[in-house]
């Protein structure tokens, strides 16, 4: 069963941000073994998504890693603001 990583990450990040209309999640590459995702949020929401000491970002990555590992894949998630 293929996982829609864009939707999964968007569903995890949306409740954290004040401006969900500015949230953009893109799949940059998928070569079969490695998936690269990019998350763009409003500058005001960047701290909420990363969290103190990166705890929230690490939790999001852990969930994505667990989901990808079930398909024998690896995933990277970069979080940036615009």
Protein backbone atom coordinates (compact mmCIF):
# COMPACT_ATOMS: atom_id res chain seq x y z
CA UNK A 1 0.00 0.00 0.00
CA UNK A 2 1.59 3.25 -1.14
CA UNK A 3 1.59 6.13 1.30
CA UNK A 4 0.85 9.67 0.16
CA UNK A 5 3.67 11.39 2.07
CA UNK A 6 2.63 14.88 0.97
CA UNK A 7 -0.82 14.45 2.50
CA UNK A 8 0.53 12.77 5.64
CA UNK A 9 3.02 15.57 6.35
CA UNK A 10 0.46 18.25 5.53
CA UNK A 11 -2.01 16.63 7.95
CA UNK A 12 0.66 16.61 10.69
CA UNK A 13 1.77 20.22 10.17
CA UNK A 14 -1.58 21.95 9.50
CA UNK A 15 -2.78 21.99 13.15
CA UNK A 16 0.53 23.57 14.22
CA UNK A 17 0.41 26.66 11.99
CA UNK A 18 -1.57 29.87 12.33
CA UNK A 19 -1.65 30.46 8.56
CA UNK A 20 -2.47 27.05 6.98
CA UNK A 21 -3.12 28.72 3.63
CA UNK A 22 0.63 29.40 3.36
CA UNK A 23 1.60 25.76 4.00
CA UNK A 24 3.17 24.02 0.99
CA UNK A 25 4.44 20.43 1.00
CA UNK A 26 6.33 19.22 -2.08
CA UNK A 27 7.94 15.94 -3.04
CA UNK A 28 11.27 16.94 -4.56
CA UNK A 29 12.46 13.48 -5.57
CA UNK A 30 11.62 9.81 -5.29
CA UNK A 31 14.18 7.44 -6.75
CA UNK A 32 12.59 4.30 -5.36
CA UNK A 33 14.75 4.08 -2.23
CA UNK A 34 15.03 7.71 -1.09
CA UNK A 35 12.22 10.27 -0.87
CA UNK A 36 13.01 13.95 -0.41
CA UNK A 37 10.26 16.23 0.90
CA UNK A 38 10.22 20.03 1.31
CA UNK A 39 7.88 21.86 3.70
CA UNK A 40 7.38 25.61 3.32
CA UNK A 41 5.59 27.59 6.03
CA UNK A 42 5.03 31.26 6.74
CA UNK A 43 7.94 32.92 8.60
CA UNK A 44 5.67 33.43 11.64
CA UNK A 45 4.91 29.69 11.81
CA UNK A 46 8.46 28.40 11.44
CA UNK A 47 9.10 28.28 15.19
CA UNK A 48 5.84 26.45 15.83
CA UNK A 49 6.69 23.75 13.29
CA UNK A 50 10.31 23.28 14.38
CA UNK A 51 9.58 23.53 18.10
CA UNK A 52 11.91 24.15 21.01
CA UNK A 53 15.18 22.43 20.28
CA UNK A 54 13.69 20.92 17.11
CA UNK A 55 11.47 18.52 19.04
CA UNK A 56 8.34 18.93 16.90
CA UNK A 57 10.30 18.69 13.63
CA UNK A 58 12.02 15.54 14.91
CA UNK A 59 8.66 14.04 15.89
CA UNK A 60 7.28 14.71 12.39
CA UNK A 61 10.40 13.15 10.87
CA UNK A 62 10.13 10.10 13.15
CA UNK A 63 6.54 9.45 12.03
CA UNK A 64 7.54 9.83 8.37
CA UNK A 65 10.61 7.58 8.84
CA UNK A 66 8.44 4.86 10.42
CA UNK A 67 5.96 5.05 7.57
CA UNK A 68 8.69 4.97 4.91
CA UNK A 69 10.56 2.11 6.55
CA UNK A 70 7.48 -0.10 6.18
CA UNK A 71 8.01 0.29 2.42
CA UNK A 72 11.79 -0.22 2.74
CA UNK A 73 12.45 3.42 1.85
CA UNK A 74 14.16 6.37 3.50
CA UNK A 75 12.75 9.88 3.69
CA UNK A 76 14.24 13.31 4.32
CA UNK A 77 12.16 16.32 5.30
CA UNK A 78 13.43 19.89 5.06
CA UNK A 79 11.42 22.67 6.71
CA UNK A 80 11.84 26.25 5.50
CA UNK A 81 9.96 29.53 5.52
CA UNK A 82 9.25 31.98 2.72
